[in-house]
Amino acid sequence: MRGKDEKLLDIFNSNGKRFIIPAYQRNYDLSINNESDWERMAEYHSVWSKKIYDVLVPYVRDYVRAKTIDA
């Protein structure tokens, strides 16, 4: 459940599909200097890399296809 102070970002891909994701919030209990935190950081990056990929790749693919057809 979202906290009342959490900010959200609206993202639309090229097909008009809407994604609502939480805005970046710094987690102060993690440190790159603490090796025991590395697994949590790796999990965070793998999850968010997939989410970003799922939004951006269809957009870029559609853009490239449109440019190829126009050429």
PDB file of N, CA and C in Angstrom:
ATOM      1  N   MET A   1       0.846  -1.187   0.000  1.00  0.00           N
ATOM      2  CA  MET A   1       0.000   0.000   0.000  1.00  0.00           C
ATOM      3  C   MET A   1       0.882   1.238   0.000  1.00  0.00           C
ATOM      4  N   ARG A   2       0.519   2.202  -0.789  1.00  0.00           N
ATOM      5  CA  ARG A   2       1.319   3.418  -0.888  1.00  0.00           C
ATOM      6  C   ARG A   2       1.101   4.305   0.323  1.00  0.00           C
ATOM      7  N   GLY A   3       2.181   4.977   0.696  1.00  0.00           N
ATOM      8  CA  GLY A   3       2.071   5.976   1.742  1.00  0.00           C
ATOM      9  C   GLY A   3       1.450   7.243   1.170  1.00  0.00           C
ATOM     10  N   LYS A   4       0.865   8.050   2.018  1.00  0.00           N
ATOM     11  CA  LYS A   4       0.171   9.242   1.519  1.00  0.00           C
ATOM     12  C   LYS A   4       1.131  10.267   0.929  1.00  0.00           C
ATOM     13  N   ASP A   5       2.409  10.191   1.276  1.00  0.00           N
ATOM     14  CA  ASP A   5       3.390  11.143   0.757  1.00  0.00           C
ATOM     15  C   ASP A   5       4.130  10.627  -0.471  1.00  0.00           C
ATOM     16  N   GLU A   6       3.847   9.407  -0.893  1.00  0.00           N
ATOM     17  CA  GLU A   6       4.571   8.834  -2.030  1.00  0.00           C
ATOM     18  C   GLU A   6       4.150   9.520  -3.320  1.00  0.00           C
ATOM     19  N   LYS A   7       5.105   9.885  -4.121  1.00  0.00           N
ATOM     20  CA  LYS A   7       4.833  10.519  -5.405  1.00  0.00           C
ATOM     21  C   LYS A   7       4.835   9.449  -6.495  1.00  0.00           C
ATOM     22  N   LEU A   8       4.037   9.674  -7.524  1.00  0.00           N
ATOM     23  CA  LEU A   8       3.917   8.719  -8.618  1.00  0.00           C
ATOM     24  C   LEU A   8       4.308   9.386  -9.929  1.00  0.00           C
ATOM     25  N   LEU A   9       4.786   8.575 -10.854  1.00  0.00           N
ATOM     26  CA  LEU A   9       5.104   9.035 -12.199  1.00  0.00           C
ATOM     27  C   LEU A   9       4.166   8.347 -13.175  1.00  0.00           C
ATOM     28  N   ASP A  10       3.611   9.097 -14.109  1.00  0.00           N
ATOM     29  CA  ASP A  10       2.826   8.526 -15.199  1.00  0.00           C
ATOM     30  C   ASP A  10       3.727   8.412 -16.418  1.00  0.00           C
ATOM     31  N   ILE A  11       3.756   7.232 -17.000  1.00  0.00           N
ATOM     32  CA  ILE A  11       4.557   7.002 -18.203  1.00  0.00           C
ATOM     33  C   ILE A  11       3.632   6.366 -19.233  1.00  0.00           C
ATOM     34  N   PHE A  12       3.705   6.847 -20.467  1.00  0.00           N
ATOM     35  CA  PHE A  12       2.910   6.298 -21.550  1.00  0.00           C
ATOM     36  C   PHE A  12       3.857   5.752 -22.620  1.00  0.00           C
ATOM     37  N   ASN A  13       3.595   4.534 -23.096  1.00  0.00           N
ATOM     38  CA  ASN A  13       4.404   4.037 -24.209  1.00  0.00           C
ATOM     39  C   ASN A  13       3.770   4.468 -25.526  1.00  0.00           C
ATOM     40  N   SER A  14       4.377   4.088 -26.623  1.00  0.00           N
ATOM     41  CA  SER A  14       3.920   4.572 -27.925  1.00  0.00           C
ATOM     42  C   SER A  14       2.542   4.030 -28.310  1.00  0.00           C
ATOM     43  N   ASN A  15       2.109   2.963 -27.674  1.00  0.00           N
ATOM     44  CA  ASN A  15       0.780   2.416 -27.949  1.00  0.00           C
ATOM     45  C   ASN A  15      -0.283   3.042 -27.057  1.00  0.00           C
ATOM     46  N   GLY A  16       0.113   4.032 -26.271  1.00  0.00           N
ATOM     47  CA  GLY A  16      -0.823   4.694 -25.387  1.00  0.00           C
ATOM     48  C   GLY A  16      -1.080   3.961 -24.090  1.00  0.00           C
ATOM     49  N   LYS A  17      -0.347   2.882 -23.855  1.00  0.00           N
ATOM     50  CA  LYS A  17      -0.527   2.144 -22.608  1.00  0.00           C
ATOM     51  C   LYS A  17       0.067   2.954 -21.459  1.00  0.00           C
ATOM     52  N   ARG A  18      -0.685   3.083 -20.406  1.00  0.00           N
ATOM     53  CA  ARG A  18      -0.273   3.913 -19.271  1.00  0.00           C
ATOM     54  C   ARG A  18       0.353   3.058 -18.178  1.00  0.00           C
ATOM     55  N   PHE A  19       1.472   3.515 -17.677  1.00  0.00           N
ATOM     56  CA  PHE A  19       2.147   2.879 -16.554  1.00  0.00           C
ATOM     57  C   PHE A  19       2.244   3.902 -15.437  1.00  0.00           C
ATOM     58  N   ILE A  20       1.918   3.510 -14.247  1.00  0.00           N
ATOM     59  CA  ILE A  20       2.087   4.375 -13.092  1.00  0.00           C
ATOM     60  C   ILE A  20       3.103   3.709 -12.175  1.00  0.00           C
ATOM     61  N   ILE A  21       4.187   4.407 -11.932  1.00  0.00           N
ATOM     62  CA  ILE A  21       5.237   3.830 -11.100  1.00  0.00           C
ATOM     63  C   ILE A  21       5.591   4.800  -9.977  1.00  0.00           C
ATOM     64  N   PRO A  22       6.061   4.274  -8.873  1.00  0.00           N
ATOM     65  CA  PRO A  22       6.487   5.163  -7.791  1.00  0.00           C
ATOM     66  C   PRO A  22       7.685   5.999  -8.235  1.00  0.00           C
ATOM     67  N   ALA A  23       7.715   7.234  -7.823  1.00  0.00           N
ATOM     68  CA  ALA A  23       8.871   8.076  -8.099  1.00  0.00           C
ATOM     69  C   ALA A  23      10.046   7.596  -7.252  1.00  0.00           C
ATOM     70  N   TYR A  24      11.215   7.958  -7.671  1.00  0.00           N
ATOM     71  CA  TYR A  24      12.422   7.557  -6.961  1.00  0.00           C
ATOM     72  C   TYR A  24      12.388   8.061  -5.525  1.00  0.00           C
ATOM     73  N   GLN A  25      12.700   7.167  -4.604  1.00  0.00           N
ATOM     74  CA  GLN A  25      12.834   7.541  -3.201  1.00  0.00           C
ATOM     75  C   GLN A  25      14.134   6.938  -2.690  1.00  0.00           C
ATOM     76  N   ARG A  26      14.972   7.764  -2.139  1.00  0.00           N
ATOM     77  CA  ARG A  26      16.257   7.285  -1.656  1.00  0.00           C
ATOM     78  C   ARG A  26      16.065   6.427  -0.416  1.00  0.00           C
ATOM     79  N   ASN A  27      16.763   5.302  -0.400  1.00  0.00           N
ATOM     80  CA  ASN A  27      16.724   4.399   0.739  1.00  0.00           C
ATOM     81  C   ASN A  27      18.012   4.601   1.535  1.00  0.00           C
ATOM     82  N   TYR A  28      17.906   5.288   2.647  1.00  0.00           N
ATOM     83  CA  TYR A  28      19.093   5.660   3.409  1.00  0.00           C
ATOM     84  C   TYR A  28      19.673   4.519   4.230  1.00  0.00           C
ATOM     85  N   ASP A  29      18.988   3.392   4.308  1.00  0.00           N
ATOM     86  CA  ASP A  29      19.545   2.288   5.083  1.00  0.00           C
ATOM     87  C   ASP A  29      20.411   1.356   4.236  1.00  0.00           C
ATOM     88  N   LEU A  30      20.684   1.734   2.977  1.00  0.00           N
ATOM     89  CA  LEU A  30      21.581   0.966   2.111  1.00  0.00           C
ATOM     90  C   LEU A  30      22.874   1.735   1.892  1.00  0.00           C
ATOM     91  N   SER A  31      23.942   0.988   1.765  1.00  0.00           N
ATOM     92  CA  SER A  31      25.233   1.620   1.497  1.00  0.00           C
ATOM     93  C   SER A  31      26.054   0.737   0.566  1.00  0.00           C
ATOM     94  N   ILE A  32      26.661   1.356  -0.431  1.00  0.00           N
ATOM     95  CA  ILE A  32      27.544   0.627  -1.335  1.00  0.00           C
ATOM     96  C   ILE A  32      28.763   0.099  -0.586  1.00  0.00           C
ATOM     97  N   ASN A  33      29.083   0.714   0.521  1.00  0.00           N
ATOM     98  CA  ASN A  33      30.227   0.296   1.326  1.00  0.00           C
ATOM     99  C   ASN A  33      29.932  -0.917   2.204  1.00  0.00           C
ATOM    100  N   ASN A  34      28.658  -1.286   2.312  1.00  0.00           N
ATOM    101  CA  ASN A  34      28.259  -2.408   3.147  1.00  0.00           C
ATOM    102  C   ASN A  34      27.976  -3.610   2.242  1.00  0.00           C
ATOM    103  N   GLU A  35      28.869  -4.567   2.241  1.00  0.00           N
ATOM    104  CA  GLU A  35      28.746  -5.706   1.330  1.00  0.00           C
ATOM    105  C   GLU A  35      27.454  -6.500   1.551  1.00  0.00           C
ATOM    106  N   SER A  36      26.928  -6.490   2.757  1.00  0.00           N
ATOM    107  CA  SER A  36      25.678  -7.223   3.014  1.00  0.00           C
ATOM    108  C   SER A  36      24.472  -6.570   2.316  1.00  0.00           C
ATOM    109  N   ASP A  37      24.594  -5.324   1.886  1.00  0.00           N
ATOM    110  CA  ASP A  37      23.520  -4.640   1.157  1.00  0.00           C
ATOM    111  C   ASP A  37      23.554  -4.905  -0.343  1.00  0.00           C
ATOM    112  N   TRP A  38      24.611  -5.476  -0.838  1.00  0.00           N
ATOM    113  CA  TRP A  38      24.785  -5.636  -2.280  1.00  0.00           C
ATOM    114  C   TRP A  38      23.697  -6.491  -2.905  1.00  0.00           C
ATOM    115  N   GLU A  39      23.254  -7.528  -2.218  1.00  0.00           N
ATOM    116  CA  GLU A  39      22.215  -8.390  -2.778  1.00  0.00           C
ATOM    117  C   GLU A  39      20.903  -7.616  -2.950  1.00  0.00           C
ATOM    118  N   ARG A  40      20.548  -6.792  -1.981  1.00  0.00           N
ATOM    119  CA  ARG A  40      19.334  -5.971  -2.090  1.00  0.00           C
ATOM    120  C   ARG A  40      19.458  -4.976  -3.235  1.00  0.00           C
ATOM    121  N   MET A  41      20.642  -4.396  -3.391  1.00  0.00           N
ATOM    122  CA  MET A  41      20.835  -3.436  -4.484  1.00  0.00           C
ATOM    123  C   MET A  41      20.750  -4.131  -5.835  1.00  0.00           C
ATOM    124  N   ALA A  42      21.317  -5.319  -5.935  1.00  0.00           N
ATOM    125  CA  ALA A  42      21.270  -6.068  -7.195  1.00  0.00           C
ATOM    126  C   ALA A  42      19.827  -6.437  -7.543  1.00  0.00           C
ATOM    127  N   GLU A  43      19.046  -6.834  -6.539  1.00  0.00           N
ATOM    128  CA  GLU A  43      17.646  -7.166  -6.776  1.00  0.00           C
ATOM    129  C   GLU A  43      16.870  -5.934  -7.260  1.00  0.00           C
ATOM    130  N   TYR A  44      17.100  -4.815  -6.617  1.00  0.00           N
ATOM    131  CA  TYR A  44      16.444  -3.568  -7.011  1.00  0.00           C
ATOM    132  C   TYR A  44      16.751  -3.244  -8.479  1.00  0.00           C
ATOM    133  N   HIS A  45      18.019  -3.325  -8.836  1.00  0.00           N
ATOM    134  CA  HIS A  45      18.408  -2.985 -10.209  1.00  0.00           C
ATOM    135  C   HIS A  45      17.842  -3.969 -11.222  1.00  0.00           C
ATOM    136  N   SER A  46      17.791  -5.239 -10.881  1.00  0.00           N
ATOM    137  CA  SER A  46      17.238  -6.202 -11.835  1.00  0.00           C
ATOM    138  C   SER A  46      15.738  -5.983 -12.028  1.00  0.00           C
ATOM    139  N   VAL A  47      15.014  -5.711 -10.963  1.00  0.00           N
ATOM    140  CA  VAL A  47      13.568  -5.479 -11.063  1.00  0.00           C
ATOM    141  C   VAL A  47      13.292  -4.214 -11.868  1.00  0.00           C
ATOM    142  N   TRP A  48      13.966  -3.118 -11.548  1.00  0.00           N
ATOM    143  CA  TRP A  48      13.688  -1.855 -12.227  1.00  0.00           C
ATOM    144  C   TRP A  48      14.231  -1.828 -13.647  1.00  0.00           C
ATOM    145  N   SER A  49      15.308  -2.559 -13.913  1.00  0.00           N
ATOM    146  CA  SER A  49      15.793  -2.655 -15.296  1.00  0.00           C
ATOM    147  C   SER A  49      14.733  -3.296 -16.174  1.00  0.00           C
ATOM    148  N   LYS A  50      14.076  -4.330 -15.673  1.00  0.00           N
ATOM    149  CA  LYS A  50      13.020  -5.007 -16.426  1.00  0.00           C
ATOM    150  C   LYS A  50      11.833  -4.074 -16.649  1.00  0.00           C
ATOM    151  N   LYS A  51      11.450  -3.322 -15.614  1.00  0.00           N
ATOM    152  CA  LYS A  51      10.322  -2.403 -15.756  1.00  0.00           C
ATOM    153  C   LYS A  51      10.627  -1.313 -16.784  1.00  0.00           C
ATOM    154  N   ILE A  52      11.817  -0.768 -16.736  1.00  0.00           N
ATOM    155  CA  ILE A  52      12.208   0.267 -17.704  1.00  0.00           C
ATOM    156  C   ILE A  52      12.274  -0.319 -19.105  1.00  0.00           C
ATOM    157  N   TYR A  53      12.846  -1.505 -19.226  1.00  0.00           N
ATOM    158  CA  TYR A  53      12.914  -2.197 -20.512  1.00  0.00           C
ATOM    159  C   TYR A  53      11.515  -2.385 -21.102  1.00  0.00           C
ATOM    160  N   ASP A  54      10.579  -2.856 -20.271  1.00  0.00           N
ATOM    161  CA  ASP A  54       9.220  -3.114 -20.750  1.00  0.00           C
ATOM    162  C   ASP A  54       8.524  -1.860 -21.247  1.00  0.00           C
ATOM    163  N   VAL A  55       8.891  -0.703 -20.731  1.00  0.00           N
ATOM    164  CA  VAL A  55       8.286   0.556 -21.163  1.00  0.00           C
ATOM    165  C   VAL A  55       9.011   1.117 -22.385  1.00  0.00           C
ATOM    166  N   LEU A  56      10.331   1.130 -22.351  1.00  0.00           N
ATOM    167  CA  LEU A  56      11.091   1.813 -23.401  1.00  0.00           C
ATOM    168  C   LEU A  56      11.247   1.015 -24.688  1.00  0.00           C
ATOM    169  N   VAL A  57      11.448  -0.273 -24.613  1.00  0.00           N
ATOM    170  CA  VAL A  57      11.711  -1.056 -25.827  1.00  0.00           C
ATOM    171  C   VAL A  57      10.544  -1.001 -26.816  1.00  0.00           C
ATOM    172  N   PRO A  58       9.298  -1.176 -26.387  1.00  0.00           N
ATOM    173  CA  PRO A  58       8.209  -1.051 -27.372  1.00  0.00           C
ATOM    174  C   PRO A  58       8.163   0.334 -28.016  1.00  0.00           C
ATOM    175  N   TYR A  59       8.436   1.369 -27.240  1.00  0.00           N
ATOM    176  CA  TYR A  59       8.443   2.724 -27.776  1.00  0.00           C
ATOM    177  C   TYR A  59       9.538   2.888 -28.832  1.00  0.00           C
ATOM    178  N   VAL A  60      10.744   2.456 -28.498  1.00  0.00           N
ATOM    179  CA  VAL A  60      11.871   2.574 -29.437  1.00  0.00           C
ATOM    180  C   VAL A  60      11.627   1.706 -30.665  1.00  0.00           C
ATOM    181  N   ARG A  61      11.110   0.509 -30.476  1.00  0.00           N
ATOM    182  CA  ARG A  61      10.833  -0.390 -31.597  1.00  0.00           C
ATOM    183  C   ARG A  61       9.831   0.253 -32.559  1.00  0.00           C
ATOM    184  N   ASP A  62       8.758   0.834 -32.008  1.00  0.00           N
ATOM    185  CA  ASP A  62       7.760   1.495 -32.863  1.00  0.00           C
ATOM    186  C   ASP A  62       8.354   2.705 -33.573  1.00  0.00           C
ATOM    187  N   TYR A  63       9.193   3.439 -32.882  1.00  0.00           N
ATOM    188  CA  TYR A  63       9.833   4.611 -33.470  1.00  0.00           C
ATOM    189  C   TYR A  63      10.740   4.203 -34.633  1.00  0.00           C
ATOM    190  N   VAL A  64      11.538   3.173 -34.420  1.00  0.00           N
ATOM    191  CA  VAL A  64      12.452   2.712 -35.467  1.00  0.00           C
ATOM    192  C   VAL A  64      11.667   2.179 -36.664  1.00  0.00           C
ATOM    193  N   ARG A  65      10.614   1.431 -36.414  1.00  0.00           N
ATOM    194  CA  ARG A  65       9.781   0.913 -37.508  1.00  0.00           C
ATOM    195  C   ARG A  65       9.166   2.054 -38.307  1.00  0.00           C
ATOM    196  N   ALA A  66       8.684   3.071 -37.613  1.00  0.00           N
ATOM    197  CA  ALA A  66       8.079   4.212 -38.315  1.00  0.00           C
ATOM    198  C   ALA A  66       9.119   4.940 -39.144  1.00  0.00           C
ATOM    199  N   LYS A  67      10.315   5.110 -38.628  1.00  0.00           N
ATOM    200  CA  LYS A  67      11.377   5.784 -39.375  1.00  0.00           C
ATOM    201  C   LYS A  67      11.812   4.934 -40.574  1.00  0.00           C
ATOM    202  N   THR A  68      11.815   3.623 -40.423  1.00  0.00           N
ATOM    203  CA  THR A  68      12.213   2.723 -41.516  1.00  0.00           C
ATOM    204  C   THR A  68      11.182   2.775 -42.636  1.00  0.00           C
ATOM    205  N   ILE A  69       9.919   2.808 -42.269  1.00  0.00           N
ATOM    206  CA  ILE A  69       8.847   2.886 -43.277  1.00  0.00           C
ATOM    207  C   ILE A  69       8.902   4.222 -44.007  1.00  0.00           C
ATOM    208  N   ASP A  70       9.185   5.299 -43.279  1.00  0.00           N
ATOM    209  CA  ASP A  70       9.249   6.625 -43.885  1.00  0.00           C
ATOM    210  C   ASP A  70      10.448   6.805 -44.797  1.00  0.00           C
ATOM    211  N   ALA A  71      11.475   6.020 -44.594  1.00  0.00           N
ATOM    212  CA  ALA A  71      12.719   6.207 -45.364  1.00  0.00           C
ATOM    213  C   ALA A  71      12.607   5.724 -46.779  1.00  0.00           C
TER     214      ALA A  71
END
